[in-house]
Amino acid sequence: MKCCRCGTELEKDNVYKIRWEKFCEDCYIDETLPKHPCDPMAQMAMENFMETFKRSPMEEISDNQKKIYEFIKDRGKVRREEVAQEFGIRELDLMQDFIVLRRLGLAKSTKIGDSIYMTLWD
């Protein structure tokens, strides 16, 4: 039996299922993580949390997220591929960090022409 996403051979006791599909652990985690930065309910919950506990967004982000934030800040606007290449990370991992920056109101996506860029929140 193989992972339906990456093709890795699966051990009998290490199979994860979503509906009828079978995944290895890494692909299962990738499949179940949030993929869309724009989620109004999550945004509202984060804003309420930050207001209630009087936290600064910069206090809440990881070192990797700070590096991404600074990279966007220095460049003004960057495409996902550029950021992923600069830091040597997969685009899926980048999106997980970007979702946090988006929910904290630090960065957003902006369409300019035919391209989508990461920019700082206005």
C-alpha atoms as a PDB file:
ATOM      1  CA  MET A   1       0.000   0.000   0.000  1.00  0.00           C
ATOM      2  CA  LYS A   2       1.329   3.461  -0.971  1.00  0.00           C
ATOM      3  CA  CYS A   3       0.614   7.036   0.062  1.00  0.00           C
ATOM      4  CA  CYS A   4      -1.801   8.468  -2.491  1.00  0.00           C
ATOM      5  CA  ARG A   5       0.067  11.775  -2.501  1.00  0.00           C
ATOM      6  CA  CYS A   6       3.811  11.042  -2.463  1.00  0.00           C
ATOM      7  CA  GLY A   7       3.878   7.339  -3.291  1.00  0.00           C
ATOM      8  CA  THR A   8       5.837   6.298  -0.200  1.00  0.00           C
ATOM      9  CA  GLU A   9       5.332   2.687   0.837  1.00  0.00           C
ATOM     10  CA  LEU A  10       3.104   2.640   3.938  1.00  0.00           C
ATOM     11  CA  GLU A  11       3.564   0.384   6.936  1.00  0.00           C
ATOM     12  CA  LYS A  12       0.353  -1.247   8.136  1.00  0.00           C
ATOM     13  CA  ASP A  13       0.342   0.620  11.478  1.00  0.00           C
ATOM     14  CA  ASN A  14       1.339   3.970   9.973  1.00  0.00           C
ATOM     15  CA  VAL A  15      -1.576   4.754   7.632  1.00  0.00           C
ATOM     16  CA  TYR A  16      -3.664   7.930   7.898  1.00  0.00           C
ATOM     17  CA  LYS A  17      -7.002   8.211   6.123  1.00  0.00           C
ATOM     18  CA  ILE A  18      -9.004  11.114   4.803  1.00  0.00           C
ATOM     19  CA  ARG A  19     -12.233   9.822   3.324  1.00  0.00           C
ATOM     20  CA  TRP A  20     -11.122   6.892   1.120  1.00  0.00           C
ATOM     21  CA  GLU A  21      -7.548   8.088   0.533  1.00  0.00           C
ATOM     22  CA  LYS A  22      -4.551   6.756   2.488  1.00  0.00           C
ATOM     23  CA  PHE A  23      -1.604   8.992   3.416  1.00  0.00           C
ATOM     24  CA  CYS A  24       1.792   8.815   5.105  1.00  0.00           C
ATOM     25  CA  GLU A  25       2.141  10.963   8.225  1.00  0.00           C
ATOM     26  CA  ASP A  26       3.836  13.910   6.476  1.00  0.00           C
ATOM     27  CA  CYS A  27       1.272  14.075   3.669  1.00  0.00           C
ATOM     28  CA  TYR A  28      -1.591  13.704   6.162  1.00  0.00           C
ATOM     29  CA  ILE A  29      -0.297  16.709   8.127  1.00  0.00           C
ATOM     30  CA  ASP A  30       0.089  18.706   4.900  1.00  0.00           C
ATOM     31  CA  GLU A  31      -3.461  17.805   3.848  1.00  0.00           C
ATOM     32  CA  THR A  32      -5.050  18.825   7.163  1.00  0.00           C
ATOM     33  CA  LEU A  33      -3.268  22.151   7.728  1.00  0.00           C
ATOM     34  CA  PRO A  34      -5.138  25.362   6.847  1.00  0.00           C
ATOM     35  CA  LYS A  35      -4.293  26.492   3.326  1.00  0.00           C
ATOM     36  CA  HIS A  36      -6.205  29.751   2.950  1.00  0.00           C
ATOM     37  CA  PRO A  37      -4.926  32.899   4.648  1.00  0.00           C
ATOM     38  CA  CYS A  38      -8.225  34.738   4.280  1.00  0.00           C
ATOM     39  CA  ASP A  39     -10.589  33.346   6.917  1.00  0.00           C
ATOM     40  CA  PRO A  40     -12.841  36.070   8.404  1.00  0.00           C
ATOM     41  CA  MET A  41     -13.811  34.030  11.477  1.00  0.00           C
ATOM     42  CA  ALA A  42     -10.199  33.150  12.312  1.00  0.00           C
ATOM     43  CA  GLN A  43      -9.226  36.789  11.723  1.00  0.00           C
ATOM     44  CA  MET A  44     -11.929  38.003  14.105  1.00  0.00           C
ATOM     45  CA  ALA A  45     -10.957  35.442  16.756  1.00  0.00           C
ATOM     46  CA  MET A  46      -7.306  36.523  16.547  1.00  0.00           C
ATOM     47  CA  GLU A  47      -8.207  40.209  16.806  1.00  0.00           C
ATOM     48  CA  ASN A  48     -10.376  39.507  19.858  1.00  0.00           C
ATOM     49  CA  PHE A  49      -7.581  37.472  21.472  1.00  0.00           C
ATOM     50  CA  MET A  50      -4.989  40.176  20.873  1.00  0.00           C
ATOM     51  CA  GLU A  51      -7.283  42.886  22.221  1.00  0.00           C
ATOM     52  CA  THR A  52      -8.326  40.879  25.284  1.00  0.00           C
ATOM     53  CA  PHE A  53      -4.796  39.937  26.297  1.00  0.00           C
ATOM     54  CA  LYS A  54      -3.166  43.215  25.152  1.00  0.00           C
ATOM     55  CA  ARG A  55      -0.531  41.418  23.105  1.00  0.00           C
ATOM     56  CA  SER A  56       1.637  42.887  20.344  1.00  0.00           C
ATOM     57  CA  PRO A  57       1.601  40.901  17.074  1.00  0.00           C
ATOM     58  CA  MET A  58       5.416  40.900  17.006  1.00  0.00           C
ATOM     59  CA  GLU A  59       5.429  39.092  20.384  1.00  0.00           C
ATOM     60  CA  GLU A  60       3.389  36.262  18.908  1.00  0.00           C
ATOM     61  CA  ILE A  61       5.423  35.314  15.853  1.00  0.00           C
ATOM     62  CA  SER A  62       8.228  32.769  15.525  1.00  0.00           C
ATOM     63  CA  ASP A  63      11.773  33.588  14.448  1.00  0.00           C
ATOM     64  CA  ASN A  64      11.032  32.217  10.974  1.00  0.00           C
ATOM     65  CA  GLN A  65       7.913  34.383  10.702  1.00  0.00           C
ATOM     66  CA  LYS A  66       9.968  37.418  11.781  1.00  0.00           C
ATOM     67  CA  LYS A  67      12.482  36.705   9.003  1.00  0.00           C
ATOM     68  CA  ILE A  68       9.671  36.436   6.444  1.00  0.00           C
ATOM     69  CA  TYR A  69       8.095  39.646   7.744  1.00  0.00           C
ATOM     70  CA  GLU A  70      11.431  41.497   7.526  1.00  0.00           C
ATOM     71  CA  PHE A  71      12.035  40.141   4.012  1.00  0.00           C
ATOM     72  CA  ILE A  72       8.633  41.430   2.863  1.00  0.00           C
ATOM     73  CA  LYS A  73       9.286  44.741   4.645  1.00  0.00           C
ATOM     74  CA  ASP A  74      12.688  45.176   2.960  1.00  0.00           C
ATOM     75  CA  ARG A  75      11.383  44.321  -0.523  1.00  0.00           C
ATOM     76  CA  GLY A  76       7.989  46.041  -0.272  1.00  0.00           C
ATOM     77  CA  LYS A  77       6.324  43.283  -2.271  1.00  0.00           C
ATOM     78  CA  VAL A  78       7.403  39.719  -3.052  1.00  0.00           C
ATOM     79  CA  ARG A  79       5.923  36.664  -4.730  1.00  0.00           C
ATOM     80  CA  ARG A  80       5.550  33.455  -2.714  1.00  0.00           C
ATOM     81  CA  GLU A  81       8.078  31.669  -4.890  1.00  0.00           C
ATOM     82  CA  GLU A  82      10.718  34.318  -4.115  1.00  0.00           C
ATOM     83  CA  VAL A  83      10.233  33.989  -0.354  1.00  0.00           C
ATOM     84  CA  ALA A  84      10.254  30.180  -0.467  1.00  0.00           C
ATOM     85  CA  GLN A  85      13.451  30.230  -2.527  1.00  0.00           C
ATOM     86  CA  GLU A  86      15.140  32.817  -0.294  1.00  0.00           C
ATOM     87  CA  PHE A  87      14.552  30.757   2.859  1.00  0.00           C
ATOM     88  CA  GLY A  88      14.792  27.310   1.270  1.00  0.00           C
ATOM     89  CA  ILE A  89      11.341  26.197   2.425  1.00  0.00           C
ATOM     90  CA  ARG A  90       8.406  24.550   0.712  1.00  0.00           C
ATOM     91  CA  GLU A  91       5.604  26.869  -0.381  1.00  0.00           C
ATOM     92  CA  LEU A  92       3.185  24.947   1.866  1.00  0.00           C
ATOM     93  CA  ASP A  93       5.382  25.670   4.907  1.00  0.00           C
ATOM     94  CA  LEU A  94       5.664  29.295   3.825  1.00  0.00           C
ATOM     95  CA  MET A  95       1.880  29.543   3.610  1.00  0.00           C
ATOM     96  CA  GLN A  96       1.531  28.287   7.198  1.00  0.00           C
ATOM     97  CA  ASP A  97       3.844  31.087   8.363  1.00  0.00           C
ATOM     98  CA  PHE A  98       2.105  33.607   6.110  1.00  0.00           C
ATOM     99  CA  ILE A  99      -1.308  32.652   7.515  1.00  0.00           C
ATOM    100  CA  VAL A 100      -0.064  33.640  10.979  1.00  0.00           C
ATOM    101  CA  LEU A 101       1.271  36.966   9.656  1.00  0.00           C
ATOM    102  CA  ARG A 102      -2.054  37.566   7.889  1.00  0.00           C
ATOM    103  CA  ARG A 103      -4.165  36.741  10.937  1.00  0.00           C
ATOM    104  CA  LEU A 104      -2.048  39.047  13.099  1.00  0.00           C
ATOM    105  CA  GLY A 105      -2.531  41.881  10.618  1.00  0.00           C
ATOM    106  CA  LEU A 106       1.151  42.076   9.690  1.00  0.00           C
ATOM    107  CA  ALA A 107       1.071  40.974   6.031  1.00  0.00           C
ATOM    108  CA  LYS A 108      -1.430  40.352   3.269  1.00  0.00           C
ATOM    109  CA  SER A 109      -1.673  39.236  -0.333  1.00  0.00           C
ATOM    110  CA  THR A 110      -2.160  41.832  -3.041  1.00  0.00           C
ATOM    111  CA  LYS A 111      -2.870  41.225  -6.714  1.00  0.00           C
ATOM    112  CA  ILE A 112      -0.848  43.469  -8.996  1.00  0.00           C
ATOM    113  CA  GLY A 113      -1.403  42.815 -12.675  1.00  0.00           C
ATOM    114  CA  ASP A 114      -1.423  39.050 -13.160  1.00  0.00           C
ATOM    115  CA  SER A 115       0.705  38.282 -10.097  1.00  0.00           C
ATOM    116  CA  ILE A 116      -0.102  37.905  -6.412  1.00  0.00           C
ATOM    117  CA  TYR A 117       2.382  39.490  -4.025  1.00  0.00           C
ATOM    118  CA  MET A 118       2.936  39.360  -0.291  1.00  0.00           C
ATOM    119  CA  THR A 119       2.957  42.890   1.113  1.00  0.00           C
ATOM    120  CA  LEU A 120       2.782  44.478   4.535  1.00  0.00           C
ATOM    121  CA  TRP A 121      -0.616  45.250   5.977  1.00  0.00           C
ATOM    122  CA  ASP A 122      -1.470  48.939   5.491  1.00  0.00           C
END
